[in-house]
Protein backbone atom coordinates (compact mmCIF):
# COMPACT_ATOMS: atom_id res chain seq x y z
CA MET A 1 70.90 40.12 0.01
CA ALA A 2 67.30 41.02 -0.60
CA GLY A 3 65.16 38.74 -2.86
CA PRO A 4 63.56 39.76 -6.28
CA ARG A 5 61.22 42.69 -5.81
CA ASN A 6 58.45 40.69 -7.61
CA LYS A 7 58.97 37.73 -5.37
CA ARG A 8 55.71 36.84 -3.48
CA TRP A 9 56.74 35.81 0.00
CA LEU A 10 54.63 33.17 1.91
CA SER A 11 52.63 34.46 4.97
CA THR A 12 54.23 33.50 8.34
CA GLU A 13 50.56 33.29 9.82
CA SER A 14 49.14 29.91 10.66
CA TYR A 15 45.94 28.65 9.10
CA LYS A 16 42.82 30.49 10.40
CA GLY A 17 41.42 28.95 13.84
CA VAL A 18 44.52 26.94 14.67
CA ARG A 19 47.61 27.75 16.77
CA ASP A 20 51.39 27.67 16.62
CA PHE A 21 52.81 26.28 19.82
CA TYR A 22 55.88 28.16 20.65
CA PRO A 23 57.96 26.88 23.63
CA GLU A 24 55.67 28.81 26.13
CA ASP A 25 52.54 27.87 24.57
CA GLN A 26 53.67 24.24 24.26
CA ALA A 27 54.76 24.31 27.90
CA PHE A 28 51.04 25.10 28.84
CA LEU A 29 49.67 22.25 26.62
CA ASN A 30 52.03 19.87 28.40
CA TYR A 31 50.93 21.05 31.71
CA PHE A 32 47.25 20.69 30.71
CA ILE A 33 47.84 17.18 29.44
CA ALA A 34 49.92 16.16 32.42
CA THR A 35 47.39 17.53 34.88
CA CYS A 36 44.54 15.78 33.34
CA ARG A 37 46.52 12.53 32.87
CA ALA A 38 47.51 12.68 36.59
CA MET A 39 43.82 13.18 37.79
CA VAL A 40 41.96 10.80 35.78
CA GLU A 41 44.56 7.82 36.31
CA LYS A 42 44.09 8.36 40.11
CA ALA A 43 40.28 7.47 39.29
CA GLY A 44 41.36 4.30 37.39
CA TYR A 45 41.04 5.39 33.82
CA VAL A 46 43.57 4.12 31.34
CA GLU A 47 44.62 5.88 28.12
CA TYR A 48 43.80 4.83 24.36
CA GLY A 49 44.47 6.56 20.99
CA ALA A 50 43.30 6.38 17.67
CA SER A 51 43.98 8.05 14.17
CA ILE A 52 42.46 11.59 13.37
CA LEU A 53 40.92 10.10 10.24
CA GLU A 54 37.54 8.54 10.36
CA PRO A 55 35.13 7.44 7.69
CA VAL A 56 32.33 10.07 7.41
CA GLU A 57 29.74 7.34 8.00
CA LEU A 58 30.64 7.35 11.64
CA TYR A 59 29.13 10.94 12.15
CA LYS A 60 26.29 10.78 9.48
CA ASN A 61 22.62 10.06 10.15
CA LYS A 62 22.82 10.12 13.82
CA GLY A 63 20.18 12.77 14.43
CA VAL A 64 19.58 16.23 13.35
CA GLU A 65 22.15 17.87 15.57
CA ASN A 66 24.90 15.53 14.22
CA GLU A 67 23.84 16.10 10.60
CA GLU A 68 24.36 19.95 11.32
CA ILE A 69 27.85 19.22 12.44
CA ILE A 70 28.88 16.93 9.76
CA ASN A 71 27.37 19.20 7.09
CA GLU A 72 28.60 22.60 8.55
CA GLN A 73 31.47 22.03 10.90
CA THR A 74 33.65 19.09 9.75
CA TYR A 75 36.75 18.81 7.64
CA THR A 76 35.64 16.12 5.13
CA PHE A 77 37.29 15.09 2.03
CA ILE A 78 37.68 12.18 -0.79
CA ASP A 79 40.84 10.30 -0.34
CA ARG A 80 42.84 9.01 -3.34
CA GLY A 81 40.79 5.73 -2.88
CA GLY A 82 37.37 7.56 -3.32
CA ARG A 83 36.48 7.10 0.20
CA GLU A 84 34.83 10.07 2.20
CA VAL A 85 37.07 10.79 5.15
CA THR A 86 36.62 13.18 8.17
CA LEU A 87 39.11 14.73 10.42
CA ARG A 88 37.46 13.84 13.82
CA PRO A 89 35.32 16.60 15.38
CA GLU A 90 34.90 14.74 18.60
CA MET A 91 36.02 11.43 20.14
CA THR A 92 33.10 9.76 21.55
CA PRO A 93 31.99 8.12 18.20
CA THR A 94 35.60 6.72 18.03
CA VAL A 95 35.78 5.29 21.38
CA ALA A 96 32.33 3.71 20.99
CA ARG A 97 33.65 2.05 17.74
CA MET A 98 36.72 0.77 19.43
CA VAL A 99 34.67 -0.75 22.25
CA ALA A 100 32.03 -2.31 20.08
CA GLY A 101 34.96 -3.83 18.02
CA LYS A 102 36.55 -5.54 20.96
CA ARG A 103 33.73 -6.03 23.36
CA ARG A 104 34.28 -9.82 23.91
CA GLU A 105 38.06 -8.84 24.93
CA LEU A 106 37.43 -5.86 27.32
CA GLY A 107 36.44 -6.09 30.90
CA PHE A 108 33.49 -4.03 32.13
CA PRO A 109 32.95 -1.50 33.64
CA LEU A 110 35.73 -0.25 31.34
CA ARG A 111 37.31 3.30 32.12
CA LEU A 112 39.02 4.90 29.18
CA TYR A 113 40.46 8.39 28.55
CA SER A 114 42.31 10.08 25.77
CA ILE A 115 43.81 13.62 25.01
CA PRO A 116 43.59 13.84 21.10
CA ASN A 117 43.30 16.92 18.93
CA LEU A 118 40.06 17.57 17.32
CA PHE A 119 38.95 19.51 14.22
CA ARG A 120 35.82 21.68 13.69
CA TYR A 121 35.23 24.23 10.99
CA GLU A 122 33.53 26.96 12.77
CA ARG A 123 34.04 30.54 13.53
CA PRO A 124 37.08 31.23 15.60
CA GLN A 125 36.52 33.08 18.90
CA ARG A 126 37.64 33.19 22.54
CA GLY A 127 37.94 29.61 23.77
CA ARG A 128 36.73 28.05 20.60
CA MET A 129 39.27 26.96 17.80
CA ARG A 130 39.10 25.00 14.65
CA GLU A 131 41.68 22.61 16.14
CA HIS A 132 42.10 22.03 19.87
CA TRP A 133 43.22 19.31 22.47
CA GLN A 134 40.61 17.68 24.65
CA LEU A 135 40.37 15.36 27.62
CA ASN A 136 37.94 12.73 27.00
CA VAL A 137 36.85 10.40 29.78
CA ASP A 138 34.39 7.64 29.20
CA LEU A 139 32.98 4.85 31.49
CA PHE A 140 31.37 1.88 29.65
CA GLY A 141 29.49 -0.97 30.77
CA SER A 142 27.23 0.25 33.71
CA GLU A 143 23.84 1.91 33.93
CA SER A 144 24.27 2.56 37.60
CA LEU A 145 23.60 6.07 38.77
CA TYR A 146 26.98 5.61 40.52
CA ALA A 147 28.56 5.46 37.15
CA ASP A 148 27.10 8.91 36.11
CA ALA A 149 28.12 10.16 39.63
CA GLU A 150 31.63 8.97 39.17
CA VAL A 151 32.18 10.75 35.83
CA VAL A 152 30.74 14.10 37.21
CA GLY A 153 32.92 13.65 40.10
CA VAL A 154 35.91 13.23 37.97
CA ALA A 155 35.19 16.29 36.08
CA TYR A 156 34.98 18.02 39.50
CA GLY A 157 38.36 16.63 40.52
CA VAL A 158 39.88 17.73 37.12
CA MET A 159 38.82 21.38 38.08
CA LYS A 160 40.27 21.07 41.45
CA ALA A 161 43.57 19.76 40.03
CA PHE A 162 43.93 22.94 38.09
CA GLY A 163 43.68 24.89 41.21
CA ALA A 164 39.97 26.00 41.09
CA SER A 165 37.94 26.57 44.21
CA ASP A 166 34.20 25.44 44.44
CA ASP A 167 33.37 29.36 43.99
CA ASP A 168 35.09 29.34 40.81
CA PHE A 169 33.05 27.06 38.83
CA VAL A 170 29.45 25.36 39.03
CA ILE A 171 28.46 21.95 37.46
CA LYS A 172 24.86 22.12 36.15
CA VAL A 173 23.14 18.75 35.62
CA GLY A 174 20.21 18.15 33.19
CA SER A 175 18.21 15.18 32.06
CA ARG A 176 17.43 13.92 28.59
CA VAL A 177 14.93 11.57 30.14
CA TRP A 178 13.17 14.54 31.77
CA LEU A 179 13.10 16.51 28.49
CA LYS A 180 11.93 13.26 26.58
CA ASP A 181 8.99 13.06 29.03
CA LEU A 182 8.37 16.80 28.64
CA ILE A 183 8.20 16.60 24.88
CA THR A 184 5.89 13.55 25.21
CA GLU A 185 3.55 15.33 27.61
CA LEU A 186 3.35 18.40 25.43
CA LYS A 187 2.84 16.24 22.39
CA LEU A 188 5.57 18.23 20.42
CA ASN A 189 6.36 17.07 16.96
CA ASP A 190 9.75 16.36 15.65
CA GLU A 191 10.56 19.71 14.42
CA THR A 192 9.27 21.75 17.52
CA ALA A 193 11.06 19.12 19.82
CA HIS A 194 14.32 19.87 17.87
CA ALA A 195 13.61 23.64 18.30
CA LEU A 196 13.18 23.31 21.97
CA ARG A 197 16.47 21.52 22.42
CA ARG A 198 18.14 24.20 20.37
CA LEU A 199 16.41 27.03 22.59
CA LEU A 200 17.22 25.33 25.90
CA ASP A 201 20.92 24.89 24.77
CA ALA A 202 21.08 28.61 24.04
CA LYS A 203 19.38 29.79 27.18
CA GLY A 204 22.31 31.16 28.83
CA LYS A 205 23.12 33.41 25.71
CA MET A 206 19.78 35.34 25.70
CA PRO A 207 18.02 37.76 27.97
CA ALA A 208 15.34 36.01 30.28
CA ASP A 209 12.43 37.81 28.45
CA GLU A 210 13.50 36.59 24.98
CA PHE A 211 13.80 32.97 26.30
CA ALA A 212 10.31 33.15 27.85
CA ALA A 213 9.07 34.76 24.61
CA LYS A 214 10.61 32.01 22.47
CA LEU A 215 9.21 29.22 24.72
CA ALA A 216 5.86 30.61 24.14
CA GLU A 217 6.35 30.51 20.43
CA LEU A 218 7.00 26.69 20.74
CA GLY A 219 3.78 26.35 22.98
CA VAL A 220 5.98 25.36 26.09
CA PRO A 221 4.91 27.04 29.45
CA GLU A 222 7.82 28.82 30.92
CA LYS A 223 7.17 27.61 34.59
CA VAL A 224 7.29 23.98 33.35
CA VAL A 225 11.01 24.60 32.40
CA LEU A 226 12.11 27.25 35.02
CA ASN A 227 10.54 25.50 38.06
CA ALA A 228 11.18 21.80 36.95
CA ALA A 229 12.35 19.45 39.87
CA PRO A 230 15.22 17.13 39.33
CA PRO A 231 14.15 13.58 38.44
CA ALA A 232 14.44 11.25 41.53
CA ASP A 233 17.78 9.62 40.52
CA ILE A 234 19.39 13.00 39.91
CA ALA A 235 18.11 14.38 43.17
CA ARG A 236 19.69 11.29 45.04
CA MET A 237 22.85 11.86 43.24
CA LEU A 238 23.06 15.60 44.08
CA GLY A 239 22.13 14.86 47.62
CA GLU A 240 25.06 12.62 48.04
CA PHE A 241 27.37 15.18 46.46
CA ALA A 242 26.04 17.66 49.03
CA ALA A 243 26.71 15.17 51.73
CA ALA A 244 30.29 14.88 50.74
CA GLY A 245 30.52 18.66 50.96
CA ILE A 246 30.15 19.53 47.29
CA ALA A 247 27.66 22.28 46.89
CA ASN A 248 28.48 23.58 43.30
CA ILE A 249 26.79 20.63 41.47
CA VAL A 250 23.01 21.71 40.81
CA PHE A 251 20.14 20.70 38.55
CA ASP A 252 19.33 22.87 35.60
CA PRO A 253 16.77 21.57 33.12
CA SER A 254 18.06 23.85 30.45
CA ILE A 255 21.14 21.57 30.17
CA VAL A 256 20.48 19.48 27.06
CA ARG A 257 23.96 19.16 25.25
CA GLY A 258 24.12 19.40 21.41
CA PHE A 259 24.15 15.82 20.40
CA ASP A 260 21.26 13.67 19.93
CA TYR A 261 23.12 10.54 21.25
CA TYR A 262 22.67 11.56 24.86
CA THR A 263 19.98 9.44 26.54
CA GLY A 264 20.09 10.29 30.21
CA LEU A 265 22.18 12.65 32.59
CA VAL A 266 23.95 15.55 30.84
CA PHE A 267 26.14 17.95 32.39
CA GLU A 268 28.22 21.37 31.83
CA VAL A 269 30.70 22.91 33.80
CA PHE A 270 30.36 26.69 33.95
CA ASP A 271 32.93 29.44 34.84
CA THR A 272 31.47 31.95 37.48
CA ASN A 273 33.99 34.74 36.65
CA PRO A 274 32.31 37.61 34.99
CA GLN A 275 35.21 38.10 32.68
CA ASN A 276 34.76 34.50 31.47
CA ASN A 277 31.17 33.61 32.26
CA ARG A 278 30.55 30.67 30.04
CA ALA A 279 30.21 26.88 29.75
CA LEU A 280 33.75 25.30 29.99
CA PHE A 281 33.04 21.76 29.02
CA GLY A 282 30.42 19.11 29.46
CA GLY A 283 29.21 15.48 28.89
CA GLY A 284 26.58 12.90 29.72
CA ARG A 285 25.15 9.48 29.41
CA TYR A 286 24.88 7.83 25.92
CA ASP A 287 23.53 4.22 26.33
CA ASN A 288 22.82 3.45 22.52
CA LEU A 289 25.70 4.82 20.67
CA THR A 290 27.57 1.24 20.14
CA GLU A 291 24.26 0.18 18.46
CA LEU A 292 25.71 1.88 15.40
CA PHE A 293 27.99 -1.05 15.15
CA ASP A 294 25.91 -4.12 16.12
CA ASP A 295 22.62 -5.10 18.18
CA GLU A 296 24.19 -5.14 21.48
CA PRO A 297 24.29 -1.75 23.02
CA ILE A 298 26.88 -0.94 25.75
CA PRO A 299 25.87 1.78 28.31
CA GLY A 300 28.34 4.58 28.51
CA VAL A 301 28.78 8.02 30.33
CA GLY A 302 31.66 10.38 29.75
CA PHE A 303 32.67 14.07 28.88
CA GLY A 304 35.04 16.02 26.99
CA MET A 305 37.27 19.11 28.25
CA GLY A 306 39.18 21.46 25.87
CA ASP A 307 42.49 23.08 26.45
CA ALA A 308 41.59 26.51 25.15
CA THR A 309 38.55 26.95 27.39
CA ILE A 310 40.71 25.92 30.52
CA HIS A 311 43.51 28.34 29.42
CA ASN A 312 41.01 31.06 29.65
CA PHE A 313 39.62 30.04 33.04
CA LEU A 314 43.17 29.81 34.47
CA GLU A 315 44.11 33.17 32.84
CA VAL A 316 41.35 35.28 34.33
CA ARG A 317 42.39 33.98 37.97
CA GLY A 318 45.87 34.30 37.52
CA LEU A 319 46.26 30.56 37.92
CA LEU A 320 48.27 29.96 34.70
CA PRO A 321 51.62 28.39 35.67
CA ALA A 322 54.73 30.34 35.19
CA TYR A 323 56.93 29.12 32.36
CA ILE A 324 59.88 27.17 33.33
CA PRO A 325 62.31 26.15 30.52
CA PRO A 326 63.77 22.63 30.60
CA THR A 327 67.19 23.92 30.04
CA HIS A 328 68.98 24.66 33.36
CA VAL A 329 72.13 26.41 32.31
CA TYR A 330 73.41 28.18 29.21
CA VAL A 331 77.19 27.82 28.45
CA ALA A 332 78.69 30.89 27.12
CA VAL A 333 82.04 30.56 25.20
CA THR A 334 84.66 33.37 25.22
CA SER A 335 86.03 32.34 21.52
CA PRO A 336 84.86 29.91 18.75
CA GLU A 337 88.08 27.99 19.26
CA LEU A 338 86.77 26.83 22.54
CA ALA A 339 83.51 25.50 21.37
CA GLY A 340 84.69 21.83 21.24
CA GLU A 341 86.06 22.04 24.95
CA ALA A 342 82.60 23.63 25.96
CA GLN A 343 80.92 20.71 24.54
CA THR A 344 82.97 18.44 26.57
CA PHE A 345 82.11 20.56 29.50
CA ALA A 346 78.43 20.39 28.69
CA GLY A 347 78.60 16.73 28.45
CA TYR A 348 80.02 16.47 31.94
CA LEU A 349 77.19 18.31 33.25
CA ARG A 350 74.54 16.38 31.19
CA GLY A 351 75.87 13.21 32.47
CA HIS A 352 74.98 14.21 36.08
CA GLY A 353 71.22 15.10 34.95
CA ILE A 354 71.56 18.73 34.17
CA ASN A 355 70.12 20.05 30.94
CA VAL A 356 72.58 22.23 29.04
CA ALA A 357 72.54 24.41 26.01
CA ILE A 358 75.76 26.03 24.68
CA ASP A 359 76.75 28.86 22.47
CA PHE A 360 79.47 28.43 19.91
CA GLY A 361 81.49 31.49 20.62
CA ASP A 362 80.78 33.39 17.26
CA LYS A 363 79.19 36.28 19.30
CA LYS A 364 80.18 38.58 22.13
CA LEU A 365 79.58 37.46 25.47
CA GLY A 366 76.83 40.07 26.10
CA GLU A 367 75.08 38.82 23.21
CA GLN A 368 75.37 35.20 24.44
CA ILE A 369 73.83 36.26 27.84
CA LYS A 370 70.98 38.06 26.05
CA THR A 371 70.22 34.79 24.13
CA ALA A 372 70.01 32.93 27.48
CA THR A 373 67.75 35.64 28.85
CA LYS A 374 65.47 35.53 25.82
CA HIS A 375 65.08 31.61 26.31
CA LYS A 376 64.42 32.30 30.24
CA ILE A 377 67.17 29.96 30.95
CA PRO A 378 67.89 30.77 34.73
CA TYR A 379 71.81 30.38 34.80
CA VAL A 380 74.82 31.20 32.73
CA ILE A 381 78.25 29.63 32.99
CA VAL A 382 81.20 31.37 31.01
CA VAL A 383 83.82 28.90 29.69
CA GLY A 384 87.01 30.43 28.92
CA PRO A 385 90.81 29.38 28.97
CA ASP A 386 91.06 30.38 32.78
CA GLU A 387 88.13 28.35 33.64
CA LEU A 388 89.22 25.30 31.57
CA ALA A 389 92.80 25.64 33.06
CA SER A 390 91.64 25.93 36.72
CA GLY A 391 88.46 23.81 36.82
CA ASN A 392 86.88 26.76 38.67
CA PHE A 393 83.52 28.35 37.15
CA VAL A 394 81.13 31.09 37.92
CA VAL A 395 77.56 30.40 37.74
CA ARG A 396 75.54 33.59 37.24
CA ASP A 397 71.77 33.62 38.35
CA LEU A 398 70.18 35.72 35.55
CA ALA A 399 67.21 36.63 37.81
CA THR A 400 69.32 38.27 40.67
CA SER A 401 72.70 38.75 38.98
CA LYS A 402 74.27 36.98 41.69
CA ASP A 403 77.51 35.13 40.83
CA HIS A 404 78.33 31.61 42.45
CA PRO A 405 81.98 30.67 42.19
CA LEU A 406 82.15 26.70 42.07
CA ALA A 407 84.75 23.95 41.39
CA LYS A 408 83.60 21.81 38.53
CA GLU A 409 82.78 18.94 40.82
CA GLU A 410 80.53 21.24 42.89
CA LEU A 411 78.40 22.20 39.83
CA PRO A 412 76.16 19.00 39.76
CA GLY A 413 75.20 19.58 43.40
CA PHE A 414 74.29 23.24 42.91
CA PHE A 415 71.82 22.72 40.19
CA LEU A 416 70.32 19.51 41.47
CA ALA A 417 70.03 20.91 45.09
């Protein structure tokens, strides 16, 4: 029966900028998480977790860029106890807080990773959502160039784990030390230095002549930026990657990253496909972030990689994995009276490690098979009085419409072969 004409129905749309994960969408997220987890654990990183809620002080007063994020892009509210709370927009401050809190109990170098969901109030667009899941990889306790190289190498390894070839992406490495020295050499004030960082970060989004004009407005010679040579330590690192046969890691002085807390090497991974020519993710060195909590800084280097940008990267290359439902077989029932015996039959299969969904016989067999097809379940078994009496069943492969007559005791071997 229809509802009252004046009833106002709720919208079925999700909140703007977030996603509903139907089974196929959830399957990709699971694939993203599993692929990331397997790769980083091979490199010795261990998983940690934390609440999505953090006190707003964790993000405030950490530099101009960070203030812009807290003022314009965070979900911040006052809780019932009068405390100002933020849904985490990133994970690095959280892990820095955790490491600083138990520095005496932790062994260094410390390799950590997490795959949390993060929240930012920004304009939704391709590859950028208001909520997303993100791999975070962090190495604490070493100032060695080889720590930087390891983290860049892990980022490279994650891309390869998703099936990318070296031609599919490029890792561009920059240096906050180089940028700091340039600002000092040019005697730029804080406002101009901030504008330069913003301009460099936006270089890939504007024509070359516009970039050059904006540099000139800031009093920065174009050749100083475009012809910059990598600092000696980064040059050595790039040389070692090249010697290992990895040629798609290059120096680019325009890579600065958006947060003030970066202190040394910074890097971004770029998609080379013209259909998705954009930065995918990045990271860098931050040696002073734990100073927010005490006077003993712990050096750190890491990166974060979001699920949405990787989905787009895989999609334009036809690398998205095919959806495979977890259910192996759908049991169709010829009449409602046999639903109980069908449950017993399904229990037999489940006991042998087979994932089974059953119908309840209140629809025609054709409709039951359509249901299995909608769920992309690969096989159907019809259970009726003849099958139950004889112990012989027919397994139908829905992709080929081929029937496989099998005795009950042969079924586990068929599905698990």
